[in-house]
Amino acid sequence: MKKLLLASVVSATFAVPAFAADQADVVVVGAGGAGLSAAVTAHNLGKKVIVLEKMTMLGGNTNRAAGGLNAAETKHQEKNGIKDSIETHFNDTMKGGKYLNNPDLVHKLTDNAKYSVDFINDLGGDLTDVGMMAGATNKRTHRPTGGGFVGANVVATLAKASKDKDIDVRTSANVQKLLIKDGKVTGVQYKDKAGKLRTVNAKAVVIATGGFGANQAMLVKINPKLKGFGTTNHPGATGDGIKLGENAGASTVDLEQIQTHPTVVPNNGEMITEAVRGNGAILINQEGKRFINELQTRDVVSAAELQQTGKVGYLVFDNSVRRSLKAIETYIKKKLVTEGTTLDELAKKLNINADNLKATIDQYAKFQAAKKDDAFGRADMPRPLTQGPWYAVQVTPAVHHTMGGLRINSEAQVLNKKGNVIPGLFAAGEVTGGVHGANRLGGNAMADIVTFGRIAGRNAALHPTEVIVSRGQNPKDAETATAEGK
């Protein structure tokens, strides 16, 4: 939470005087992980950047990201003896997305994610711990030391870098429309804190406004079954960037692909990071029995929970899991966790069958010892859950991520309805579609926002209006692109 507070403090220092310049090389709309990654990258290439954020603070949904950033073939995996490959990351992502993903975008993501880890760490961040998330074949989720929340760390890192580099970041700046001249995007109009309409002219615009997971009307219009669902999204995730793009002729893709997260505290909206399951927790129902392979993809686990009594489950773990993951301490401090010195005590507090709970834990310990889950086929069982005290968190599905959005190519250029590039317009992060297909894997959102944020920032800075031919696999060091003549 200290890092999150730092991000809030930093955001408060970005006061913009009334006479602020209205000309930039690159305008970035949105100051979450994707927008700030784009801004820092474009600035490092010698360009003048203005960032416009409609909320009063920086970070958006990135502030709420808990798990980590997925990347394969990193130095941190190698240090921990983890054998993984970019190809496996690609295959896991395509499988998780039910092969609806755009393969070109997924290749771009998985080929470049390891450089996103380096980018954040080189700016002073901490993505050095590596853990497991659902849907992954190997441990590749990079997160702060001890398994702390990733989002707060990344936002604080990028916010500090933006401040140190004197990037012009304006909060309470609500973009109303894109400016277009001769078919090219040439800037934006926005309302400032006082409600005054202002114009910023630019050579390129990067839309990085996030998804629409907090827009109940938009969600229900697309999928009526989501009426009444809670959300893990911050209030500003209302689909503004998608509307901006559409009004400029942009095409959209996969808008109907909306993900629910299976471990959200009912009537609270607090998401319990997937890393709790990755570090060993199991899911039980009101009857005290397991009902799913806990490391199945989010859509599968969510659907299984909705079939249980009360449409809820309980994340159950022991003291060994608690000690393995710093994030759990935050949930305990927020009083979201029920504790029992014994399993009988825990069962009584949860009002579930104690005999069933004890039998479930005993059976799971045997599966773990044998390295074979005969009940549900869970492959990774790091702990037997036999070290008291024991803990539980009641959870249910809530709207978490919108996989659809603006259609882009692998260079983060926005495409129109004919599949052609809209000159001067780029997009990155959850505002885009095609990367995650029908279901996003935990840890891939952070990889997406930083990776495509950097690609968008680089190309908006160097190639604002041309149709870009993909430059291969790695814009490894965007800062050296000018010297390379790319």
Protein backbone atom coordinates (compact mmCIF):
# COMPACT_ATOMS: atom_id res chain seq x y z
CA MET A 1 0.00 0.00 0.00
CA LYS A 2 2.97 2.31 0.54
CA LYS A 3 3.71 2.16 -3.19
CA LEU A 4 0.08 2.86 -4.04
CA LEU A 5 0.13 5.92 -1.80
CA LEU A 6 3.29 7.06 -3.53
CA ALA A 7 1.48 6.91 -6.86
CA SER A 8 -1.33 9.03 -5.44
CA VAL A 9 1.09 11.59 -4.02
CA VAL A 10 2.99 11.79 -7.28
CA SER A 11 -0.22 12.31 -9.24
CA ALA A 12 -1.09 15.26 -7.05
CA THR A 13 2.08 17.09 -8.10
CA PHE A 14 1.06 17.25 -11.77
CA ALA A 15 -0.63 20.65 -11.56
CA VAL A 16 -0.95 22.33 -14.95
CA PRO A 17 -1.09 26.14 -15.21
CA ALA A 18 -3.74 27.81 -17.35
CA PHE A 19 -1.13 28.84 -19.90
CA ALA A 20 0.09 25.27 -20.53
CA ALA A 21 1.24 24.64 -24.11
CA ASP A 22 -1.26 23.12 -26.50
CA GLN A 23 1.25 21.56 -28.88
CA ALA A 24 2.96 18.18 -28.52
CA ASP A 25 4.57 15.47 -30.58
CA VAL A 26 2.52 12.79 -28.83
CA VAL A 27 -0.67 13.02 -26.79
CA VAL A 28 -1.42 10.04 -24.56
CA VAL A 29 -5.03 9.63 -23.41
CA GLY A 30 -5.05 7.74 -20.11
CA ALA A 31 -2.43 7.53 -17.37
CA GLY A 32 -2.58 3.89 -16.35
CA GLY A 33 0.18 1.37 -16.96
CA ALA A 34 -0.19 1.44 -20.75
CA GLY A 35 -0.41 5.22 -21.03
CA LEU A 36 2.52 5.93 -18.74
CA SER A 37 4.65 3.26 -20.45
CA ALA A 38 3.90 4.94 -23.78
CA ALA A 39 4.63 8.40 -22.40
CA VAL A 40 7.98 7.48 -20.85
CA THR A 41 9.05 5.66 -24.01
CA ALA A 42 8.12 8.54 -26.33
CA HIS A 43 9.81 11.03 -24.03
CA ASN A 44 12.98 8.94 -23.98
CA LEU A 45 13.03 9.29 -27.76
CA GLY A 46 13.25 13.05 -27.43
CA LYS A 47 9.60 13.85 -28.06
CA LYS A 48 7.33 16.29 -26.27
CA VAL A 49 4.55 14.32 -24.63
CA ILE A 50 1.32 15.44 -22.97
CA VAL A 51 -0.67 12.90 -20.95
CA LEU A 52 -4.38 13.51 -20.28
CA GLU A 53 -6.07 11.55 -17.48
CA LYS A 54 -9.76 12.06 -16.70
CA MET A 55 -9.49 10.86 -13.08
CA THR A 56 -7.90 12.84 -10.27
CA MET A 57 -5.08 10.37 -9.78
CA LEU A 58 -2.86 8.21 -11.95
CA GLY A 59 -2.97 4.46 -12.43
CA GLY A 60 -6.51 3.44 -13.36
CA ASN A 61 -7.08 -0.30 -13.14
CA THR A 62 -3.33 -0.86 -12.99
CA ASN A 63 -3.49 0.31 -9.37
CA ARG A 64 -5.69 -2.70 -8.66
CA ALA A 65 -3.55 -5.30 -10.44
CA ALA A 66 -2.51 -7.87 -7.88
CA GLY A 67 -0.86 -10.87 -9.52
CA GLY A 68 2.12 -9.95 -11.70
CA LEU A 69 3.52 -9.58 -15.21
CA ASN A 70 3.86 -12.71 -17.33
CA ALA A 71 7.10 -13.10 -19.27
CA ALA A 72 9.17 -16.05 -20.47
CA GLU A 73 12.93 -16.55 -20.85
CA THR A 74 13.76 -13.86 -18.29
CA LYS A 75 16.89 -13.56 -16.16
CA HIS A 76 14.73 -13.95 -13.05
CA GLN A 77 13.35 -17.28 -14.22
CA GLU A 78 16.86 -18.43 -15.03
CA LYS A 79 18.08 -17.38 -11.58
CA ASN A 80 15.33 -19.48 -9.98
CA GLY A 81 15.94 -22.51 -12.20
CA ILE A 82 12.59 -22.13 -13.98
CA LYS A 83 12.53 -23.69 -17.43
CA ASP A 84 10.15 -21.84 -19.69
CA SER A 85 9.99 -20.61 -23.27
CA ILE A 86 8.42 -17.83 -25.28
CA GLU A 87 6.77 -20.50 -27.42
CA THR A 88 5.13 -22.05 -24.35
CA HIS A 89 3.91 -18.64 -23.21
CA PHE A 90 2.45 -18.10 -26.69
CA ASN A 91 0.73 -21.50 -26.66
CA ASP A 92 -0.68 -20.99 -23.15
CA THR A 93 -2.05 -17.58 -24.16
CA MET A 94 -3.70 -18.90 -27.32
CA LYS A 95 -5.17 -21.87 -25.47
CA GLY A 96 -6.42 -19.66 -22.64
CA GLY A 97 -8.06 -17.37 -25.18
CA LYS A 98 -9.73 -20.36 -26.87
CA TYR A 99 -7.73 -19.54 -30.03
CA LEU A 100 -9.86 -16.48 -30.69
CA ASN A 101 -6.75 -14.33 -30.15
CA ASN A 102 -4.96 -12.61 -33.02
CA PRO A 103 -1.73 -14.67 -33.31
CA ASP A 104 0.29 -11.68 -34.55
CA LEU A 105 -0.60 -9.72 -31.44
CA VAL A 106 0.10 -12.67 -29.16
CA HIS A 107 3.51 -13.22 -30.75
CA LYS A 108 4.30 -9.56 -30.22
CA LEU A 109 3.24 -9.84 -26.59
CA THR A 110 5.11 -13.00 -25.72
CA ASP A 111 8.25 -12.12 -27.71
CA ASN A 112 8.61 -8.77 -25.96
CA ALA A 113 7.28 -9.34 -22.44
CA LYS A 114 10.71 -10.07 -20.97
CA TYR A 115 11.87 -6.63 -22.08
CA SER A 116 8.88 -5.12 -20.29
CA VAL A 117 10.15 -6.68 -17.06
CA ASP A 118 13.55 -5.10 -17.69
CA PHE A 119 11.94 -1.74 -18.54
CA ILE A 120 10.11 -1.53 -15.19
CA ASN A 121 13.06 -2.82 -13.18
CA ASP A 122 15.47 -0.44 -14.87
CA LEU A 123 13.21 2.45 -13.83
CA GLY A 124 13.49 1.32 -10.20
CA GLY A 125 10.56 -1.08 -9.99
CA ASP A 126 10.57 -4.51 -8.41
CA LEU A 127 9.53 -7.37 -10.69
CA THR A 128 12.05 -9.87 -9.38
CA ASP A 129 9.92 -12.54 -7.69
CA VAL A 130 8.45 -15.20 -9.98
CA GLY A 131 5.26 -17.14 -9.26
CA MET A 132 2.50 -19.23 -10.83
CA MET A 133 -0.86 -18.13 -12.21
CA ALA A 134 -3.79 -20.12 -13.54
CA GLY A 135 -3.59 -21.26 -17.15
CA ALA A 136 0.21 -21.15 -17.21
CA THR A 137 2.40 -24.17 -17.87
CA ASN A 138 5.31 -22.72 -15.93
CA LYS A 139 6.09 -20.07 -13.32
CA ARG A 140 6.40 -16.83 -15.28
CA THR A 141 4.46 -14.23 -13.29
CA HIS A 142 6.93 -11.50 -12.27
CA ARG A 143 5.98 -9.54 -9.18
CA PRO A 144 7.50 -7.61 -6.26
CA THR A 145 9.67 -9.38 -3.72
CA GLY A 146 7.67 -11.69 -1.49
CA GLY A 147 4.66 -11.69 -3.80
CA GLY A 148 3.37 -8.16 -3.16
CA PHE A 149 0.84 -6.36 -5.37
CA VAL A 150 2.27 -5.66 -8.80
CA GLY A 151 0.06 -2.77 -9.91
CA ALA A 152 0.89 -0.33 -7.15
CA ASN A 153 4.58 -0.98 -7.71
CA VAL A 154 4.39 -0.41 -11.46
CA VAL A 155 2.25 2.73 -11.18
CA ALA A 156 4.55 4.23 -8.55
CA THR A 157 7.57 3.42 -10.73
CA LEU A 158 6.12 4.94 -13.90
CA ALA A 159 4.65 7.95 -12.07
CA LYS A 160 8.02 8.74 -10.51
CA ALA A 161 9.76 8.35 -13.87
CA SER A 162 7.22 10.71 -15.47
CA LYS A 163 7.76 13.29 -12.74
CA ASP A 164 11.54 12.98 -12.84
CA LYS A 165 11.50 13.44 -16.62
CA ASP A 166 9.15 16.46 -16.38
CA ILE A 167 6.55 14.82 -18.60
CA ASP A 168 3.43 17.00 -18.80
CA VAL A 169 0.76 14.88 -17.07
CA ARG A 170 -2.64 16.50 -16.61
CA THR A 171 -5.25 14.96 -14.32
CA SER A 172 -8.99 15.79 -14.35
CA ALA A 173 -8.57 16.16 -18.11
CA ASN A 174 -11.47 14.43 -19.84
CA VAL A 175 -10.90 13.96 -23.57
CA GLN A 176 -14.04 14.65 -25.59
CA LYS A 177 -12.99 13.88 -29.16
CA LEU A 178 -10.11 13.22 -31.52
CA LEU A 179 -9.16 15.91 -34.01
CA ILE A 180 -8.90 14.74 -37.62
CA LYS A 181 -7.60 16.54 -40.69
CA ASP A 182 -7.23 15.01 -44.16
CA GLY A 183 -7.87 11.57 -42.70
CA LYS A 184 -5.13 11.88 -40.07
CA VAL A 185 -5.54 12.21 -36.31
CA THR A 186 -3.99 15.54 -35.35
CA GLY A 187 -4.77 15.95 -31.67
CA VAL A 188 -7.57 16.01 -29.10
CA GLN A 189 -10.10 18.24 -27.43
CA TYR A 190 -10.54 17.84 -23.68
CA LYS A 191 -12.29 19.44 -20.73
CA ASP A 192 -10.07 20.58 -17.90
CA LYS A 193 -10.88 20.57 -14.20
CA ALA A 194 -12.84 23.81 -14.55
CA GLY A 195 -14.90 22.39 -17.42
CA LYS A 196 -13.17 24.55 -20.01
CA LEU A 197 -12.72 23.00 -23.45
CA ARG A 198 -9.07 22.90 -24.52
CA THR A 199 -7.25 21.69 -27.61
CA VAL A 200 -3.92 19.91 -27.89
CA ASN A 201 -2.47 19.54 -31.37
CA ALA A 202 -0.10 16.64 -31.93
CA LYS A 203 1.55 14.47 -34.54
CA ALA A 204 0.09 11.32 -32.96
CA VAL A 205 -2.38 10.23 -30.29
CA VAL A 206 -2.14 7.10 -28.13
CA ILE A 207 -5.42 5.89 -26.61
CA ALA A 208 -4.76 4.02 -23.36
CA THR A 209 -7.98 4.53 -21.44
CA GLY A 210 -8.65 0.98 -20.33
CA GLY A 211 -11.76 -1.13 -20.77
CA PHE A 212 -15.45 -0.82 -19.88
CA GLY A 213 -15.76 -3.15 -16.90
CA ALA A 214 -17.31 -0.42 -14.72
CA ASN A 215 -19.92 0.57 -17.32
CA GLN A 216 -22.90 -1.55 -16.30
CA ALA A 217 -25.10 -0.23 -19.11
CA MET A 218 -22.52 -1.08 -21.77
CA LEU A 219 -21.87 -4.50 -20.23
CA VAL A 220 -25.55 -5.43 -20.08
CA LYS A 221 -26.19 -4.14 -23.60
CA ILE A 222 -23.53 -6.56 -24.84
CA ASN A 223 -24.40 -9.40 -22.45
CA PRO A 224 -27.71 -9.15 -20.52
CA LYS A 225 -26.63 -12.01 -18.24
CA LEU A 226 -24.17 -9.63 -16.54
CA LYS A 227 -26.94 -7.47 -15.10
CA GLY A 228 -26.32 -6.99 -11.40
CA PHE A 229 -22.78 -8.40 -11.45
CA GLY A 230 -20.23 -6.64 -9.30
CA THR A 231 -16.97 -5.41 -10.79
CA THR A 232 -13.31 -5.29 -9.81
CA ASN A 233 -12.78 -2.24 -12.01
CA HIS A 234 -12.13 1.32 -10.89
CA PRO A 235 -14.98 3.80 -11.56
CA GLY A 236 -13.26 5.34 -14.58
CA ALA A 237 -13.27 2.12 -16.63
CA THR A 238 -16.26 3.15 -18.73
CA GLY A 239 -15.14 2.53 -22.32
CA ASP A 240 -14.41 6.16 -23.20
CA GLY A 241 -11.46 5.31 -25.44
CA ILE A 242 -13.48 2.82 -27.44
CA LYS A 243 -16.08 5.50 -28.12
CA LEU A 244 -13.37 8.01 -29.09
CA GLY A 245 -11.91 5.54 -31.56
CA GLU A 246 -15.25 4.53 -33.03
CA ASN A 247 -16.18 8.18 -33.58
CA ALA A 248 -12.94 8.51 -35.57
CA GLY A 249 -13.82 5.50 -37.75
CA ALA A 250 -11.98 2.81 -35.81
CA SER A 251 -13.02 -0.83 -35.95
CA THR A 252 -13.60 -2.91 -32.83
CA VAL A 253 -13.11 -6.60 -32.14
CA ASP A 254 -14.31 -9.12 -29.54
CA LEU A 255 -16.46 -6.69 -27.53
CA GLU A 256 -18.63 -9.59 -26.42
CA GLN A 257 -15.67 -11.27 -24.72
CA ILE A 258 -16.05 -10.18 -21.11
CA GLN A 259 -14.19 -11.96 -18.34
CA THR A 260 -15.35 -12.57 -14.80
CA HIS A 261 -12.78 -13.14 -12.07
CA PRO A 262 -13.65 -16.07 -9.80
CA THR A 263 -12.15 -14.82 -6.54
CA VAL A 264 -13.85 -11.56 -5.63
CA VAL A 265 -15.24 -10.89 -2.16
CA PRO A 266 -19.08 -10.74 -2.41
CA ASN A 267 -20.66 -7.28 -1.99
CA ASN A 268 -17.18 -5.81 -1.66
CA GLY A 269 -15.46 -5.85 -5.05
CA GLU A 270 -12.09 -6.70 -3.54
CA MET A 271 -10.29 -9.12 -5.84
CA ILE A 272 -8.20 -11.83 -4.23
CA THR A 273 -5.14 -12.31 -6.40
CA GLU A 274 -4.81 -15.50 -8.37
CA ALA A 275 -1.39 -15.89 -6.77
CA VAL A 276 -3.12 -17.16 -3.60
CA ARG A 277 -4.22 -20.21 -5.60
CA GLY A 278 -0.92 -20.30 -7.42
CA ASN A 279 0.90 -20.53 -4.10
CA GLY A 280 -1.26 -23.44 -2.95
CA ALA A 281 -4.79 -22.46 -1.87
CA ILE A 282 -7.74 -24.64 -2.84
CA LEU A 283 -11.40 -23.81 -3.47
CA ILE A 284 -14.18 -25.48 -1.52
CA ASN A 285 -17.96 -25.02 -1.55
CA GLN A 286 -20.49 -24.50 1.24
CA GLU A 287 -20.50 -28.27 1.77
CA GLY A 288 -16.75 -28.26 2.51
CA LYS A 289 -15.75 -30.04 -0.69
CA ARG A 290 -13.47 -29.13 -3.60
CA PHE A 291 -15.31 -28.67 -6.89
CA ILE A 292 -12.71 -27.60 -9.48
CA ASN A 293 -9.06 -27.66 -10.49
CA GLU A 294 -8.20 -24.31 -8.93
CA LEU A 295 -5.71 -23.47 -11.67
CA GLN A 296 -8.18 -23.74 -14.51
CA THR A 297 -8.73 -20.56 -16.49
CA ARG A 298 -10.84 -17.81 -14.97
CA ASP A 299 -13.90 -18.46 -17.10
CA VAL A 300 -13.96 -22.15 -16.17
CA VAL A 301 -13.51 -21.52 -12.43
CA SER A 302 -16.13 -18.74 -12.48
CA ALA A 303 -18.66 -21.00 -14.19
CA ALA A 304 -18.01 -23.76 -11.63
CA GLU A 305 -18.53 -21.36 -8.71
CA LEU A 306 -21.86 -20.24 -10.07
CA GLN A 307 -23.03 -23.88 -9.85
CA GLN A 308 -22.29 -24.06 -6.10
CA THR A 309 -24.65 -23.34 -3.22
CA GLY A 310 -25.13 -19.59 -2.95
CA LYS A 311 -22.99 -19.11 -6.07
CA VAL A 312 -19.93 -18.76 -3.82
CA GLY A 313 -16.80 -20.65 -2.91
CA TYR A 314 -14.14 -20.40 -0.23
CA LEU A 315 -10.44 -19.99 -0.82
CA VAL A 316 -8.85 -22.17 1.85
CA PHE A 317 -5.15 -22.14 2.72
CA ASP A 318 -2.82 -22.74 5.63
CA ASN A 319 -0.06 -20.81 7.36
CA SER A 320 2.56 -22.01 4.87
CA VAL A 321 0.67 -20.29 2.04
CA ARG A 322 0.25 -17.17 4.15
CA ARG A 323 3.97 -16.97 4.78
CA SER A 324 4.71 -17.43 1.07
CA LEU A 325 2.75 -14.42 -0.20
CA LYS A 326 2.97 -10.88 1.13
CA ALA A 327 -0.33 -9.88 -0.50
CA ILE A 328 -2.27 -12.06 1.96
CA GLU A 329 -1.34 -9.74 4.83
CA THR A 330 -3.29 -6.95 3.15
CA TYR A 331 -6.41 -9.13 3.00
CA ILE A 332 -6.02 -10.01 6.66
CA LYS A 333 -5.65 -6.35 7.64
CA LYS A 334 -8.82 -5.58 5.67
CA LYS A 335 -10.62 -8.30 7.67
CA LEU A 336 -11.53 -10.29 4.59
CA VAL A 337 -10.02 -13.50 5.97
CA THR A 338 -11.54 -15.96 8.44
CA GLU A 339 -8.99 -17.77 10.65
CA GLY A 340 -9.24 -21.01 12.55
CA THR A 341 -6.62 -22.52 14.86
CA THR A 342 -8.02 -25.89 13.84
CA LEU A 343 -10.06 -27.00 10.85
CA ASP A 344 -12.99 -27.61 13.21
CA GLU A 345 -12.84 -24.01 14.36
CA LEU A 346 -12.61 -22.75 10.78
CA ALA A 347 -15.57 -24.89 9.71
CA LYS A 348 -17.67 -23.62 12.61
CA LYS A 349 -16.92 -19.99 11.73
CA LEU A 350 -17.82 -20.63 8.09
CA ASN A 351 -20.90 -22.67 9.00
CA ILE A 352 -19.79 -25.59 6.83
CA ASN A 353 -19.49 -29.33 7.51
CA ALA A 354 -16.32 -29.88 9.56
CA ASP A 355 -16.01 -33.57 8.69
CA ASN A 356 -16.15 -32.78 4.97
CA LEU A 357 -13.59 -29.99 5.31
CA LYS A 358 -11.15 -32.22 7.21
CA ALA A 359 -11.63 -35.03 4.72
CA THR A 360 -11.03 -32.62 1.85
CA ILE A 361 -7.79 -31.32 3.34
CA ASP A 362 -6.62 -34.84 4.17
CA GLN A 363 -7.33 -36.07 0.64
CA TYR A 364 -5.61 -33.06 -0.91
CA ALA A 365 -2.50 -33.63 1.24
CA LYS A 366 -2.33 -37.20 -0.08
CA PHE A 367 -2.70 -35.98 -3.66
CA GLN A 368 0.06 -33.45 -3.06
CA ALA A 369 2.40 -36.06 -1.59
CA ALA A 370 1.75 -38.36 -4.55
CA LYS A 371 2.07 -35.43 -6.98
CA LYS A 372 -1.18 -36.48 -8.58
CA ASP A 373 -4.60 -34.90 -8.13
CA ASP A 374 -6.94 -37.82 -8.81
CA ALA A 375 -10.01 -35.66 -8.20
CA PHE A 376 -9.54 -32.71 -10.55
CA GLY A 377 -6.18 -33.06 -12.25
CA ARG A 378 -4.41 -30.07 -10.73
CA ALA A 379 -0.81 -30.32 -11.86
CA ASP A 380 0.87 -27.77 -9.57
CA MET A 381 0.31 -28.45 -5.85
CA PRO A 382 3.15 -26.66 -4.05
CA ARG A 383 1.94 -27.25 -0.46
CA PRO A 384 -0.08 -29.94 1.37
CA LEU A 385 -2.03 -27.38 3.47
CA THR A 386 -1.32 -29.17 6.75
CA GLN A 387 0.29 -26.33 8.73
CA GLY A 388 -2.21 -24.57 10.99
CA PRO A 389 -3.71 -22.15 11.53
CA TRP A 390 -5.99 -22.31 8.50
CA TYR A 391 -7.66 -19.46 6.65
CA ALA A 392 -10.60 -18.91 4.30
CA VAL A 393 -12.01 -16.11 2.14
CA GLN A 394 -15.51 -16.27 0.69
CA VAL A 395 -15.42 -15.46 -3.04
CA THR A 396 -17.71 -15.19 -6.05
CA PRO A 397 -17.28 -14.13 -9.70
CA ALA A 398 -17.37 -10.45 -10.73
CA VAL A 399 -16.72 -8.61 -13.99
CA HIS A 400 -12.98 -8.22 -14.24
CA HIS A 401 -11.61 -7.68 -17.74
CA THR A 402 -13.03 -6.75 -21.12
CA MET A 403 -11.00 -8.55 -23.78
CA GLY A 404 -12.53 -6.64 -26.68
CA GLY A 405 -11.84 -3.13 -27.86
CA LEU A 406 -10.24 -1.15 -30.65
CA ARG A 407 -8.71 -3.26 -33.40
CA ILE A 408 -4.95 -2.74 -33.70
CA ASN A 409 -2.08 -4.28 -35.64
CA SER A 410 1.10 -5.61 -34.05
CA GLU A 411 2.62 -2.11 -34.11
CA ALA A 412 -0.25 -0.74 -31.97
CA GLN A 413 -1.73 1.22 -34.88
CA VAL A 414 -5.53 1.52 -34.79
CA LEU A 415 -7.36 0.10 -37.81
CA ASN A 416 -10.52 1.32 -39.49
CA LYS A 417 -13.45 -0.81 -40.59
CA LYS A 418 -11.68 -1.68 -43.85
CA GLY A 419 -8.63 -2.92 -41.97
CA ASN A 420 -6.49 0.07 -42.89
CA VAL A 421 -4.32 2.07 -40.52
CA ILE A 422 -5.78 5.33 -39.21
CA PRO A 423 -2.75 7.64 -39.53
CA GLY A 424 -1.68 9.22 -36.27
CA LEU A 425 -3.75 6.94 -34.01
CA PHE A 426 -2.33 4.27 -31.72
CA ALA A 427 -3.79 2.29 -28.82
CA ALA A 428 -2.55 0.00 -26.08
CA GLY A 429 -3.86 -1.96 -23.12
CA GLU A 430 -7.40 -2.97 -22.23
CA VAL A 431 -8.91 -0.42 -24.63
CA THR A 432 -7.78 -2.74 -27.44
CA GLY A 433 -9.03 -6.16 -28.52
CA GLY A 434 -7.45 -9.22 -30.08
CA VAL A 435 -4.63 -9.93 -27.66
CA HIS A 436 -6.49 -12.11 -25.15
CA GLY A 437 -9.21 -13.73 -27.24
CA ALA A 438 -12.08 -15.23 -25.28
CA ASN A 439 -10.31 -15.30 -21.92
CA ARG A 440 -7.32 -13.44 -20.48
CA LEU A 441 -4.76 -15.34 -18.44
CA GLY A 442 -3.79 -13.85 -15.09
CA GLY A 443 -0.53 -11.92 -15.47
CA ASN A 444 -1.04 -11.22 -19.16
CA ALA A 445 -2.77 -7.86 -18.61
CA MET A 446 0.35 -6.35 -17.07
CA ALA A 447 2.43 -7.84 -19.87
CA ASP A 448 -0.03 -6.38 -22.38
CA ILE A 449 -0.13 -2.84 -21.01
CA VAL A 450 3.60 -2.38 -20.61
CA THR A 451 4.59 -4.17 -23.81
CA PHE A 452 2.06 -2.56 -26.14
CA GLY A 453 2.32 0.71 -24.23
CA ARG A 454 6.01 0.84 -25.12
CA ILE A 455 5.35 -0.18 -28.73
CA ALA A 456 2.65 2.49 -29.07
CA GLY A 457 4.88 5.15 -27.52
CA ARG A 458 7.82 4.23 -29.72
CA ASN A 459 5.87 4.20 -32.97
CA ALA A 460 3.85 7.31 -32.16
CA ALA A 461 7.14 9.10 -31.55
CA LEU A 462 9.03 7.87 -34.60
CA HIS A 463 6.39 6.92 -37.18
CA PRO A 464 3.25 8.92 -36.33
CA THR A 465 1.44 8.74 -39.67
CA GLU A 466 3.01 6.03 -41.80
CA VAL A 467 1.87 2.45 -42.21
CA ILE A 468 4.47 0.51 -40.22
CA VAL A 469 5.87 -2.79 -41.37
CA SER A 470 6.52 -4.93 -38.28
CA ARG A 471 10.16 -4.68 -37.29
CA GLY A 472 10.56 -8.24 -36.08
CA GLN A 473 10.38 -9.43 -32.56
CA ASN A 474 12.03 -6.95 -30.22
CA PRO A 475 11.90 -3.21 -29.81
CA LYS A 476 14.17 -4.19 -26.92
CA ASP A 477 15.54 -0.75 -26.25
CA ALA A 478 13.15 1.89 -27.49
CA GLU A 479 15.60 4.47 -26.20
CA THR A 480 18.14 3.45 -28.86
CA ALA A 481 15.70 3.40 -31.77
CA THR A 482 16.75 6.80 -33.11
CA ALA A 483 20.39 5.77 -33.24
CA GLU A 484 19.38 2.59 -35.06
CA GLY A 485 17.55 4.67 -37.66
CA LYS A 486 14.32 2.73 -37.11
